[in-house]
Amino acid sequence: MTIETELPTFRGVVCLHCKARIPVPAIVGSVQVSPSEDLESLQRKSQVFNLRCPACHKEKPYRTREIENFEGTPQTVASLDLPTPMRWYPQDGMTRAAKA
């Protein structure tokens, strides 16, 4: 007798740039079809939301009809070591003012 374990699933979209699976927020992923509406009418009224990919850090608009169910858990990307921003003026003195 084999024991079947059910894989966790999540709702998400596929990144348009790197093809990574992006989980959608619960408020977006909970769009349900009411009994009076059919799937076709819901797709015509598809809403758009912006989502940033945690893998490539690019933000794109997605439609609610692009949401799919994925097996497994969403991938988490460790924070990147981003370079510190450059200062364009000295921190120890006053900056130059523009001439009036």
C-alpha atoms as a PDB file:
ATOM      1  CA  MET A   1       0.000   0.000   0.000  1.00  0.00           C
ATOM      2  CA  THR A   2       1.418   3.340  -0.995  1.00  0.00           C
ATOM      3  CA  ILE A   3       0.641   6.550   0.784  1.00  0.00           C
ATOM      4  CA  GLU A   4      -0.069   9.423  -1.537  1.00  0.00           C
ATOM      5  CA  THR A   5       0.999  12.778  -0.224  1.00  0.00           C
ATOM      6  CA  GLU A   6      -0.738  15.777  -1.623  1.00  0.00           C
ATOM      7  CA  LEU A   7       1.652  18.427  -2.887  1.00  0.00           C
ATOM      8  CA  PRO A   8       0.935  21.954  -1.748  1.00  0.00           C
ATOM      9  CA  THR A   9      -0.437  24.233  -4.447  1.00  0.00           C
ATOM     10  CA  PHE A  10      -0.514  27.975  -4.923  1.00  0.00           C
ATOM     11  CA  ARG A  11      -2.154  30.386  -7.321  1.00  0.00           C
ATOM     12  CA  GLY A  12       0.182  32.467  -9.432  1.00  0.00           C
ATOM     13  CA  VAL A  13       1.243  33.763 -12.817  1.00  0.00           C
ATOM     14  CA  VAL A  14       4.253  33.090 -15.022  1.00  0.00           C
ATOM     15  CA  CYS A  15       6.745  35.986 -15.251  1.00  0.00           C
ATOM     16  CA  LEU A  16       6.748  37.489 -18.733  1.00  0.00           C
ATOM     17  CA  HIS A  17      10.537  37.986 -18.588  1.00  0.00           C
ATOM     18  CA  CYS A  18      12.180  35.047 -16.816  1.00  0.00           C
ATOM     19  CA  LYS A  19       9.256  32.553 -16.796  1.00  0.00           C
ATOM     20  CA  ALA A  20       9.440  32.148 -12.985  1.00  0.00           C
ATOM     21  CA  ARG A  21       6.250  31.297 -11.109  1.00  0.00           C
ATOM     22  CA  ILE A  22       5.064  34.323  -9.145  1.00  0.00           C
ATOM     23  CA  PRO A  23       2.505  33.831  -6.378  1.00  0.00           C
ATOM     24  CA  VAL A  24      -0.337  36.339  -6.485  1.00  0.00           C
ATOM     25  CA  PRO A  25      -1.649  38.099  -3.371  1.00  0.00           C
ATOM     26  CA  ALA A  26      -4.653  36.467  -1.722  1.00  0.00           C
ATOM     27  CA  ILE A  27      -6.960  39.358  -2.620  1.00  0.00           C
ATOM     28  CA  VAL A  28      -6.162  38.904  -6.331  1.00  0.00           C
ATOM     29  CA  GLY A  29      -6.083  35.107  -6.277  1.00  0.00           C
ATOM     30  CA  SER A  30      -9.486  34.802  -4.637  1.00  0.00           C
ATOM     31  CA  VAL A  31     -11.468  35.931  -7.681  1.00  0.00           C
ATOM     32  CA  GLN A  32     -14.366  33.496  -7.944  1.00  0.00           C
ATOM     33  CA  VAL A  33     -17.012  32.970 -10.602  1.00  0.00           C
ATOM     34  CA  SER A  34     -20.433  33.709  -9.186  1.00  0.00           C
ATOM     35  CA  PRO A  35     -23.242  31.282 -10.095  1.00  0.00           C
ATOM     36  CA  SER A  36     -24.907  33.876 -12.318  1.00  0.00           C
ATOM     37  CA  GLU A  37     -21.717  34.427 -14.359  1.00  0.00           C
ATOM     38  CA  ASP A  38     -20.059  31.967 -16.656  1.00  0.00           C
ATOM     39  CA  LEU A  39     -16.326  31.714 -17.270  1.00  0.00           C
ATOM     40  CA  GLU A  40     -16.530  33.498 -20.639  1.00  0.00           C
ATOM     41  CA  SER A  41     -18.145  36.609 -19.180  1.00  0.00           C
ATOM     42  CA  LEU A  42     -15.536  36.672 -16.407  1.00  0.00           C
ATOM     43  CA  GLN A  43     -12.741  36.569 -18.980  1.00  0.00           C
ATOM     44  CA  ARG A  44     -14.264  39.490 -20.872  1.00  0.00           C
ATOM     45  CA  LYS A  45     -14.287  41.499 -17.639  1.00  0.00           C
ATOM     46  CA  SER A  46     -10.770  40.376 -16.687  1.00  0.00           C
ATOM     47  CA  GLN A  47      -9.079  42.777 -14.329  1.00  0.00           C
ATOM     48  CA  VAL A  48      -5.461  43.867 -14.527  1.00  0.00           C
ATOM     49  CA  PHE A  49      -2.981  44.028 -11.653  1.00  0.00           C
ATOM     50  CA  ASN A  50       0.737  44.802 -11.454  1.00  0.00           C
ATOM     51  CA  LEU A  51       3.119  42.299  -9.941  1.00  0.00           C
ATOM     52  CA  ARG A  52       6.894  42.363  -9.423  1.00  0.00           C
ATOM     53  CA  CYS A  53       8.847  39.160  -9.997  1.00  0.00           C
ATOM     54  CA  PRO A  54      11.018  38.224  -7.003  1.00  0.00           C
ATOM     55  CA  ALA A  55      13.551  36.531  -9.320  1.00  0.00           C
ATOM     56  CA  CYS A  56      14.248  39.202 -11.957  1.00  0.00           C
ATOM     57  CA  HIS A  57      12.741  42.224 -10.114  1.00  0.00           C
ATOM     58  CA  LYS A  58      10.777  43.370 -13.160  1.00  0.00           C
ATOM     59  CA  GLU A  59       7.209  44.569 -12.799  1.00  0.00           C
ATOM     60  CA  LYS A  60       4.559  43.908 -15.412  1.00  0.00           C
ATOM     61  CA  PRO A  61       0.765  44.038 -15.642  1.00  0.00           C
ATOM     62  CA  TYR A  62      -1.049  40.692 -15.583  1.00  0.00           C
ATOM     63  CA  ARG A  63      -4.698  39.807 -16.160  1.00  0.00           C
ATOM     64  CA  THR A  64      -6.754  37.816 -13.674  1.00  0.00           C
ATOM     65  CA  ARG A  65      -7.427  35.246 -16.391  1.00  0.00           C
ATOM     66  CA  GLU A  66      -3.653  34.504 -16.500  1.00  0.00           C
ATOM     67  CA  ILE A  67      -3.739  33.156 -12.929  1.00  0.00           C
ATOM     68  CA  GLU A  68      -2.984  29.428 -12.785  1.00  0.00           C
ATOM     69  CA  ASN A  69      -2.718  26.778 -10.076  1.00  0.00           C
ATOM     70  CA  PHE A  70       0.855  25.547  -9.550  1.00  0.00           C
ATOM     71  CA  GLU A  71       2.022  22.502  -7.614  1.00  0.00           C
ATOM     72  CA  GLY A  72       4.684  22.929  -4.965  1.00  0.00           C
ATOM     73  CA  THR A  73       5.615  25.991  -2.974  1.00  0.00           C
ATOM     74  CA  PRO A  74       6.567  29.396  -4.378  1.00  0.00           C
ATOM     75  CA  GLN A  75      10.288  29.935  -4.733  1.00  0.00           C
ATOM     76  CA  THR A  76      11.784  32.474  -2.406  1.00  0.00           C
ATOM     77  CA  VAL A  77      14.776  34.398  -3.645  1.00  0.00           C
ATOM     78  CA  ALA A  78      17.381  35.484  -1.135  1.00  0.00           C
ATOM     79  CA  SER A  79      17.868  39.211  -1.062  1.00  0.00           C
ATOM     80  CA  LEU A  80      20.540  40.296  -3.469  1.00  0.00           C
ATOM     81  CA  ASP A  81      23.593  42.175  -2.345  1.00  0.00           C
ATOM     82  CA  LEU A  82      22.717  45.404  -4.076  1.00  0.00           C
ATOM     83  CA  PRO A  83      25.412  48.060  -4.313  1.00  0.00           C
ATOM     84  CA  THR A  84      25.049  51.002  -2.001  1.00  0.00           C
ATOM     85  CA  PRO A  85      23.892  54.158  -3.763  1.00  0.00           C
ATOM     86  CA  MET A  86      26.518  56.739  -4.635  1.00  0.00           C
ATOM     87  CA  ARG A  87      26.400  60.122  -3.005  1.00  0.00           C
ATOM     88  CA  TRP A  88      26.624  62.936  -5.498  1.00  0.00           C
ATOM     89  CA  TYR A  89      27.606  65.511  -2.924  1.00  0.00           C
ATOM     90  CA  PRO A  90      30.001  65.489   0.018  1.00  0.00           C
ATOM     91  CA  GLN A  91      28.411  64.466   3.298  1.00  0.00           C
ATOM     92  CA  ASP A  92      30.676  66.625   5.472  1.00  0.00           C
ATOM     93  CA  GLY A  93      30.021  69.982   3.870  1.00  0.00           C
ATOM     94  CA  MET A  94      27.335  72.098   2.328  1.00  0.00           C
ATOM     95  CA  THR A  95      26.167  71.480  -1.179  1.00  0.00           C
ATOM     96  CA  ARG A  96      26.345  74.099  -3.880  1.00  0.00           C
ATOM     97  CA  ALA A  97      23.180  75.992  -4.557  1.00  0.00           C
ATOM     98  CA  ALA A  98      22.048  76.718  -8.091  1.00  0.00           C
ATOM     99  CA  LYS A  99      22.613  80.244  -9.303  1.00  0.00           C
ATOM    100  CA  ALA A 100      19.496  82.293  -9.335  1.00  0.00           C
END
